[in-house]
């Protein structure tokens, strides 16, 4: 299929949010995943919103924070033009600050994300990737500073082994309590401890509650450092 025809055969599925993408991302990045997880569980009754252990950034300092741009892959030797070009066409639907979240359906026979894909996605607004599988070109991804979270790494080419079959639909990723459904626009936040998902309509609410807890934690930490009785600290700040 000619390159100039690719955009004509893929529906654009733009993501719209009602908050300032950059401001919210910066505020999340001042916090940490454990605090966001605790906030969802304790304050909102949402449990199991963390991916299971084993998915970490290629470099410890990397963070992802942004609305999910979901894709689903299938293990197949298929190489036809339509499915091959799916990953090219979907790029046209990406919006500023989105985070690629890929359900690879348990595939382990190749690398499902690499540097050239990251380069083009970044140029179209993507700010990071969470691959519930593997990457290749890892050194390039690190050197270009593209935040990428994966389970393992592989040098093997994905074409003819695993391919994107749809995007911007609800997907599943492996979570601590089983599968987590991730919808387009759910908020993705990851650091060196792992990745958590905030339901789209709670993105700002969870953040605001977590920010208050963060300030209380700072005060509690300082009180502990000064030797205050831990019971007094907890009763005063509600954090320990």
Protein backbone atom coordinates (compact mmCIF):
# COMPACT_ATOMS: atom_id res chain seq x y z
CA UNK A 1 0.00 0.00 0.00
CA UNK A 2 1.42 3.38 -0.99
CA UNK A 3 2.40 5.62 1.90
CA UNK A 4 0.15 8.45 0.71
CA UNK A 5 -2.85 6.12 0.91
CA UNK A 6 -2.26 4.86 4.44
CA UNK A 7 -3.99 7.76 6.16
CA UNK A 8 -7.11 7.24 4.04
CA UNK A 9 -7.91 3.76 5.35
CA UNK A 10 -7.60 4.27 9.11
CA UNK A 11 -10.20 6.03 11.18
CA UNK A 12 -8.74 8.76 13.36
CA UNK A 13 -9.59 8.20 17.00
CA UNK A 14 -8.47 11.32 18.80
CA UNK A 15 -8.31 11.46 22.57
CA UNK A 16 -9.93 14.45 24.28
CA UNK A 17 -9.44 15.40 27.92
CA UNK A 18 -10.78 18.30 29.96
CA UNK A 19 -7.57 19.21 31.77
CA UNK A 20 -4.22 20.77 30.93
CA UNK A 21 -2.08 17.84 29.76
CA UNK A 22 1.28 19.36 30.69
CA UNK A 23 0.21 20.73 34.06
CA UNK A 24 -1.35 17.48 35.21
CA UNK A 25 1.67 15.45 34.02
CA UNK A 26 4.08 17.73 35.88
CA UNK A 27 2.04 17.44 39.07
CA UNK A 28 1.87 13.64 38.89
CA UNK A 29 5.63 13.46 38.33
CA UNK A 30 6.24 15.30 41.58
CA UNK A 31 4.59 12.36 43.36
CA UNK A 32 5.26 8.62 43.20
CA UNK A 33 3.34 5.49 42.21
CA UNK A 34 2.97 4.08 45.72
CA UNK A 35 1.20 7.24 46.85
CA UNK A 36 -1.15 7.22 43.87
CA UNK A 37 -1.92 3.54 44.44
CA UNK A 38 -2.63 4.13 48.14
CA UNK A 39 -4.83 7.10 47.33
CA UNK A 40 -6.96 5.08 44.91
CA UNK A 41 -7.25 2.16 47.33
CA UNK A 42 -7.80 4.04 50.61
CA UNK A 43 -9.69 7.11 49.47
CA UNK A 44 -11.58 5.80 46.43
CA UNK A 45 -11.91 2.08 47.15
CA UNK A 46 -10.12 1.11 43.93
CA UNK A 47 -7.88 -1.91 44.45
CA UNK A 48 -5.51 -3.71 42.11
CA UNK A 49 -4.81 -0.73 39.86
CA UNK A 50 -1.10 -1.54 39.61
CA UNK A 51 0.55 -3.72 37.01
CA UNK A 52 2.02 -6.92 38.41
CA UNK A 53 5.70 -6.86 39.42
CA UNK A 54 8.16 -7.18 36.58
CA UNK A 55 7.40 -4.14 34.46
CA UNK A 56 9.96 -1.40 34.96
CA UNK A 57 11.54 1.50 33.07
CA UNK A 58 14.57 0.93 30.87
CA UNK A 59 16.29 3.49 33.08
CA UNK A 60 15.42 4.04 36.75
CA UNK A 61 14.89 7.79 36.38
CA UNK A 62 12.25 7.41 33.67
CA UNK A 63 8.64 8.34 34.44
CA UNK A 64 5.47 8.23 32.38
CA UNK A 65 2.44 10.38 33.13
CA UNK A 66 -0.38 10.93 30.68
CA UNK A 67 -3.63 9.62 29.21
CA UNK A 68 -3.48 6.11 27.77
CA UNK A 69 -3.36 5.54 24.03
CA UNK A 70 -4.21 1.85 23.88
CA UNK A 71 -3.15 -0.73 21.31
CA UNK A 72 -3.67 -4.47 21.09
CA UNK A 73 -1.39 -6.94 19.36
CA UNK A 74 -1.79 -10.50 18.17
CA UNK A 75 0.79 -13.21 17.74
CA UNK A 76 0.67 -14.03 14.04
CA UNK A 77 2.98 -14.55 11.05
CA UNK A 78 0.64 -12.34 9.03
CA UNK A 79 2.42 -9.72 6.92
CA UNK A 80 -0.41 -8.30 4.80
CA UNK A 81 -0.36 -4.59 4.03
CA UNK A 82 -3.41 -3.65 6.07
CA UNK A 83 -2.21 -5.05 9.38
CA UNK A 84 1.39 -4.05 8.74
CA UNK A 85 0.34 -0.47 8.14
CA UNK A 86 -1.95 -0.36 11.17
CA UNK A 87 0.93 0.91 13.34
CA UNK A 88 1.60 3.65 10.78
CA UNK A 89 -2.01 4.76 10.53
CA UNK A 90 -2.62 4.81 14.26
CA UNK A 91 0.12 7.40 14.72
CA UNK A 92 -2.19 9.93 13.07
CA UNK A 93 -4.60 9.53 16.00
CA UNK A 94 -2.01 10.30 18.67
CA UNK A 95 -2.36 13.53 20.62
CA UNK A 96 0.02 15.62 22.70
CA UNK A 97 1.11 13.96 25.93
CA UNK A 98 -0.46 10.56 25.39
CA UNK A 99 1.20 7.37 26.66
CA UNK A 100 1.22 4.26 24.49
CA UNK A 101 -0.11 1.25 26.42
CA UNK A 102 0.28 -2.03 24.56
CA UNK A 103 -1.45 -5.34 25.27
CA UNK A 104 0.76 -7.90 23.52
CA UNK A 105 -1.46 -10.88 24.44
CA UNK A 106 1.41 -12.63 26.24
CA UNK A 107 3.67 -12.72 23.19
CA UNK A 108 7.29 -13.61 24.01
CA UNK A 109 8.83 -14.40 20.63
CA UNK A 110 10.00 -10.90 19.67
CA UNK A 111 10.48 -7.28 20.64
CA UNK A 112 7.17 -5.45 20.27
CA UNK A 113 8.44 -1.86 20.44
CA UNK A 114 11.57 -0.14 19.21
CA UNK A 115 13.40 3.09 18.54
CA UNK A 116 12.05 3.94 15.08
CA UNK A 117 8.48 3.47 16.28
CA UNK A 118 9.23 5.64 19.32
CA UNK A 119 10.74 8.33 17.11
CA UNK A 120 7.67 8.70 14.91
CA UNK A 121 5.24 8.43 17.81
CA UNK A 122 7.11 11.12 19.74
CA UNK A 123 6.91 13.39 16.70
CA UNK A 124 3.13 12.98 16.81
CA UNK A 125 2.78 13.74 20.52
CA UNK A 126 3.40 10.46 22.34
CA UNK A 127 5.28 11.05 25.61
CA UNK A 128 6.17 7.49 26.61
CA UNK A 129 5.29 3.81 26.35
CA UNK A 130 4.15 0.99 28.62
CA UNK A 131 4.57 -2.33 26.83
CA UNK A 132 3.12 -5.33 28.67
CA UNK A 133 5.84 -7.34 26.96
CA UNK A 134 9.20 -6.43 25.47
CA UNK A 135 11.22 -3.86 23.61
CA UNK A 136 14.26 -3.91 21.38
CA UNK A 137 16.67 -1.09 20.48
CA UNK A 138 16.82 -0.44 24.21
CA UNK A 139 20.05 1.57 24.14
CA UNK A 140 18.59 3.85 21.50
CA UNK A 141 15.43 4.38 23.52
CA UNK A 142 17.49 5.25 26.58
CA UNK A 143 19.78 7.58 24.65
CA UNK A 144 16.87 9.43 23.06
CA UNK A 145 15.29 9.83 26.50
CA UNK A 146 12.00 8.18 25.57
CA UNK A 147 10.39 6.82 28.77
CA UNK A 148 9.70 3.13 28.11
CA UNK A 149 8.41 0.50 30.54
CA UNK A 150 8.69 -3.19 29.64
CA UNK A 151 8.81 -6.71 31.12
CA UNK A 152 11.77 -7.99 29.13
CA UNK A 153 13.96 -7.21 26.12
CA UNK A 154 14.51 -9.00 22.84
CA UNK A 155 16.55 -8.33 19.69
CA UNK A 156 14.02 -10.17 17.50
CA UNK A 157 12.03 -8.31 14.81
CA UNK A 158 8.29 -8.20 15.45
CA UNK A 159 7.07 -8.24 11.85
CA UNK A 160 5.89 -11.73 11.00
CA UNK A 161 5.59 -12.64 14.70
CA UNK A 162 3.41 -10.06 16.46
CA UNK A 163 1.39 -7.25 14.97
CA UNK A 164 -0.96 -4.43 16.06
CA UNK A 165 -4.54 -5.28 15.14
CA UNK A 166 -6.49 -2.41 16.76
CA UNK A 167 -6.08 0.74 18.81
CA UNK A 168 -7.91 3.16 21.07
CA UNK A 169 -10.15 0.41 22.42
CA UNK A 170 -10.38 -1.09 25.95
CA UNK A 171 -7.49 -3.52 26.56
CA UNK A 172 -6.19 -5.71 29.36
CA UNK A 173 -2.80 -5.60 31.05
CA UNK A 174 -1.51 -7.91 33.76
CA UNK A 175 -2.20 -6.51 37.22
CA UNK A 176 -1.41 -7.45 40.80
CA UNK A 177 -4.91 -8.88 41.31
CA UNK A 178 -5.43 -10.22 37.80
CA UNK A 179 -6.18 -8.45 34.56
CA UNK A 180 -6.69 -4.67 34.60
CA UNK A 181 -8.96 -3.14 31.99
CA UNK A 182 -7.36 -0.01 30.59
CA UNK A 183 -9.58 2.32 28.60
CA UNK A 184 -8.40 5.03 26.23
CA UNK A 185 -7.80 8.13 28.33
CA UNK A 186 -7.27 6.35 31.65
CA UNK A 187 -4.35 8.04 33.36
CA UNK A 188 -1.02 6.20 33.24
CA UNK A 189 1.60 6.92 35.87
CA UNK A 190 4.84 4.98 36.15
CA UNK A 191 8.16 5.25 37.95
CA UNK A 192 10.89 2.80 38.98
CA UNK A 193 8.42 0.91 41.23
CA UNK A 194 6.03 0.09 38.40
CA UNK A 195 2.91 1.42 36.67
CA UNK A 196 -0.54 2.38 38.01
CA UNK A 197 -3.73 3.32 36.16
CA UNK A 198 -6.23 5.94 37.28
CA UNK A 199 -9.73 5.81 35.75
CA UNK A 200 -10.14 8.67 33.28
CA UNK A 201 -12.89 10.48 35.19
CA UNK A 202 -10.85 10.40 38.41
CA UNK A 203 -7.57 11.70 36.95
CA UNK A 204 -7.69 15.10 38.62
CA UNK A 205 -9.58 14.04 41.75
CA UNK A 206 -7.05 11.34 42.64
CA UNK A 207 -4.20 13.75 41.98
CA UNK A 208 -5.63 16.45 44.24
CA UNK A 209 -6.15 14.02 47.14
CA UNK A 210 -2.67 12.54 46.64
CA UNK A 211 -1.09 16.00 46.67
CA UNK A 212 -2.60 16.71 50.08
CA UNK A 213 -1.33 13.38 51.36
CA UNK A 214 2.10 14.19 49.94
CA UNK A 215 2.28 17.41 51.94
CA UNK A 216 1.15 15.58 55.07
CA UNK A 217 3.83 12.97 54.47
CA UNK A 218 6.51 15.64 54.28
CA UNK A 219 5.42 17.07 57.61
CA UNK A 220 5.21 13.58 59.13
CA UNK A 221 8.66 12.67 57.82
CA UNK A 222 10.20 15.78 59.34
CA UNK A 223 8.49 15.14 62.67
CA UNK A 224 9.82 11.59 62.68
CA UNK A 225 13.29 12.85 61.85
CA UNK A 226 13.14 15.12 64.88
CA UNK A 227 12.22 12.21 67.14
CA UNK A 228 8.56 12.97 67.81
CA UNK A 229 6.55 10.10 69.27
CA UNK A 230 5.17 8.10 66.31
CA UNK A 231 1.69 7.98 67.84
CA UNK A 232 1.66 11.76 68.08
CA UNK A 233 2.89 12.04 64.49
CA UNK A 234 0.17 9.76 63.21
CA UNK A 235 -2.56 11.48 65.20
CA UNK A 236 -1.40 14.90 63.95
CA UNK A 237 -0.71 14.17 60.30
CA UNK A 238 -2.54 10.91 59.61
CA UNK A 239 0.52 9.53 57.84
CA UNK A 240 3.12 7.01 59.01
